[in-house]
Protein backbone atom coordinates (compact mmCIF):
# COMPACT_ATOMS: atom_id res chain seq x y z
CA UNK A 1 0.00 0.00 0.00
CA UNK A 2 1.30 3.42 -0.84
CA UNK A 3 1.50 6.19 1.72
CA UNK A 4 -1.23 8.06 -0.19
CA UNK A 5 -3.55 5.04 0.02
CA UNK A 6 -2.86 4.66 3.73
CA UNK A 7 -3.65 8.34 4.30
CA UNK A 8 -6.89 8.05 2.33
CA UNK A 9 -8.07 5.12 4.43
CA UNK A 10 -6.96 6.82 7.65
CA UNK A 11 -8.95 9.91 6.63
CA UNK A 12 -12.04 7.80 6.04
CA UNK A 13 -11.58 6.13 9.43
CA UNK A 14 -10.82 9.37 11.22
CA UNK A 15 -7.72 7.82 12.75
CA UNK A 16 -4.01 8.24 11.98
CA UNK A 17 -1.90 5.18 12.78
CA UNK A 18 1.35 5.66 14.68
CA UNK A 19 2.38 2.20 13.41
CA UNK A 20 1.14 1.77 9.82
CA UNK A 21 2.24 -1.89 9.89
CA UNK A 22 -0.73 -2.63 12.13
CA UNK A 23 -3.08 -1.32 9.45
CA UNK A 24 -1.22 -3.30 6.77
CA UNK A 25 -1.66 -6.49 8.77
CA UNK A 26 -5.33 -5.76 9.40
CA UNK A 27 -5.83 -5.61 5.63
CA UNK A 28 -3.93 -8.84 4.89
CA UNK A 29 -5.93 -12.01 4.31
CA UNK A 30 -4.51 -15.38 5.32
CA UNK A 31 -4.24 -16.62 1.72
CA UNK A 32 -2.15 -13.60 0.74
CA UNK A 33 0.10 -14.02 3.79
CA UNK A 34 0.61 -17.71 2.99
CA UNK A 35 1.53 -16.90 -0.61
CA UNK A 36 4.08 -14.36 0.64
CA UNK A 37 5.55 -16.88 3.09
CA UNK A 38 5.98 -19.35 0.22
CA UNK A 39 8.14 -16.67 -1.44
CA UNK A 40 10.16 -16.41 1.80
CA UNK A 41 8.67 -13.00 2.65
CA UNK A 42 7.68 -12.31 6.24
CA UNK A 43 3.94 -11.61 6.27
CA UNK A 44 1.32 -11.83 9.00
CA UNK A 45 -2.42 -12.08 8.39
CA UNK A 46 -5.42 -10.35 9.91
CA UNK A 47 -7.00 -13.30 11.72
CA UNK A 48 -5.96 -12.52 15.29
CA UNK A 49 -6.82 -8.84 14.71
CA UNK A 50 -10.35 -9.91 13.66
CA UNK A 51 -10.82 -11.65 16.99
CA UNK A 52 -9.53 -8.66 18.94
CA UNK A 53 -11.55 -6.21 16.84
CA UNK A 54 -14.74 -8.19 17.40
CA UNK A 55 -14.20 -8.01 21.18
CA UNK A 56 -13.34 -4.29 21.10
CA UNK A 57 -16.33 -3.52 18.87
CA UNK A 58 -18.67 -5.39 21.23
CA UNK A 59 -17.26 -3.63 24.30
CA UNK A 60 -17.47 -0.16 22.75
CA UNK A 61 -20.97 -0.73 21.37
CA UNK A 62 -22.23 -1.88 24.77
CA UNK A 63 -20.62 1.22 26.31
CA UNK A 64 -22.25 3.50 23.71
CA UNK A 65 -25.62 1.77 23.97
CA UNK A 66 -25.65 2.08 27.77
CA UNK A 67 -24.43 5.65 27.93
CA UNK A 68 -25.65 7.30 24.72
CA UNK A 69 -28.65 5.40 23.43
CA UNK A 70 -30.81 4.95 26.47
CA UNK A 71 -30.66 1.15 26.53
CA UNK A 72 -31.47 0.17 30.11
CA UNK A 73 -31.67 -3.61 30.07
CA UNK A 74 -29.37 -6.38 29.00
CA UNK A 75 -32.01 -7.53 26.52
CA UNK A 76 -32.23 -4.09 24.88
CA UNK A 77 -28.46 -3.89 24.59
CA UNK A 78 -28.14 -7.42 23.23
CA UNK A 79 -30.85 -6.98 20.59
CA UNK A 80 -29.49 -3.63 19.42
CA UNK A 81 -25.90 -4.91 19.38
CA UNK A 82 -26.88 -7.94 17.28
CA UNK A 83 -28.37 -5.56 14.73
CA UNK A 84 -25.29 -3.29 14.74
CA UNK A 85 -22.65 -6.02 14.35
CA UNK A 86 -24.41 -8.15 11.76
CA UNK A 87 -22.20 -9.24 8.88
CA UNK A 88 -24.22 -7.17 6.44
CA UNK A 89 -24.14 -4.13 8.74
CA UNK A 90 -20.35 -4.30 9.06
CA UNK A 91 -20.00 -4.92 5.31
CA UNK A 92 -22.12 -1.83 4.63
CA UNK A 93 -19.78 0.30 6.75
CA UNK A 94 -16.78 -1.26 4.96
CA UNK A 95 -18.27 -0.44 1.58
CA UNK A 96 -18.84 3.17 2.66
CA UNK A 97 -15.16 3.37 3.68
CA UNK A 98 -14.11 1.58 0.44
CA UNK A 99 -12.12 -0.94 2.48
CA UNK A 100 -12.46 -3.61 -0.22
CA UNK A 101 -10.04 -1.70 -2.41
CA UNK A 102 -7.29 -1.98 0.23
CA UNK A 103 -7.60 -5.67 1.18
CA UNK A 104 -4.62 -7.85 0.26
CA UNK A 105 -6.08 -11.01 -1.22
CA UNK A 106 -4.57 -14.31 -2.29
CA UNK A 107 -4.68 -15.14 -6.00
CA UNK A 108 -7.79 -17.32 -5.73
CA UNK A 109 -9.53 -14.71 -3.60
CA UNK A 110 -8.78 -12.07 -6.25
CA UNK A 111 -10.30 -14.23 -8.98
CA UNK A 112 -13.45 -14.70 -6.88
CA UNK A 113 -13.53 -10.99 -6.00
CA UNK A 114 -13.63 -11.87 -2.31
CA UNK A 115 -13.00 -8.22 -1.42
CA UNK A 116 -16.65 -7.65 -2.34
CA UNK A 117 -18.02 -10.44 -0.11
CA UNK A 118 -19.83 -9.31 3.05
CA UNK A 119 -17.95 -11.80 5.24
CA UNK A 120 -14.54 -10.57 4.04
CA UNK A 121 -15.54 -6.91 4.39
CA UNK A 122 -16.93 -7.51 7.90
CA UNK A 123 -13.85 -9.44 9.06
CA UNK A 124 -11.53 -6.79 7.68
CA UNK A 125 -13.40 -3.99 9.43
CA UNK A 126 -13.10 -5.94 12.68
CA UNK A 127 -9.38 -6.44 12.03
CA UNK A 128 -8.96 -2.69 11.46
CA UNK A 129 -10.72 -1.97 14.75
CA UNK A 130 -8.35 -4.43 16.44
CA UNK A 131 -5.39 -2.64 14.86
CA UNK A 132 -6.67 0.73 16.04
CA UNK A 133 -7.01 -0.67 19.55
CA UNK A 134 -3.42 -1.95 19.49
CA UNK A 135 -2.16 1.33 18.06
CA UNK A 136 -4.14 3.85 20.09
CA UNK A 137 -5.99 2.07 22.87
CA UNK A 138 -9.59 1.99 23.99
CA UNK A 139 -10.36 5.70 23.63
CA UNK A 140 -9.08 5.82 20.04
CA UNK A 141 -11.14 2.73 19.20
CA UNK A 142 -14.21 4.24 20.82
CA UNK A 143 -13.80 7.48 18.86
CA UNK A 144 -13.58 5.61 15.54
CA UNK A 145 -16.48 3.29 16.33
CA UNK A 146 -18.63 6.24 17.43
CA UNK A 147 -17.89 7.86 14.07
CA UNK A 148 -18.84 4.63 12.25
CA UNK A 149 -22.13 4.52 14.17
CA UNK A 150 -23.31 8.15 14.27
CA UNK A 151 -26.73 7.07 15.53
CA UNK A 152 -25.08 6.21 18.87
CA UNK A 153 -23.54 9.63 19.54
CA UNK A 154 -24.39 11.47 22.74
CA UNK A 155 -27.68 13.38 22.59
């Protein structure tokens, strides 16, 4: 990824990475990383970042739902959160940010245009959130997530 491309994505996210390698990894699919390793290039994939990003997203959304959206019961929070973190909902946000353009895909994934698939877009958004958390901590993650979900901003 070029520096210009990184800056464009950072602008869309509203977050500037201190360590751009975290963003690079968040955008790297396992198939691409494996292909690079076969060429003796060091390359890590996004999988662990997806797991972290999912947990951070859940935590921040519960925080925002409790404090900004008037949800008062566990059931209200759970139902609203399920709606907000659905694969299609995350993919919609990814499309708005044009994340698909930046995803590093393996050769087979490129042929199948996996960067357009909701599951890939959702996982990559989660990985990016995980990378933001590692780079800037909870508050930075919360700021980005609040921007991605404007309906949850403070009244």
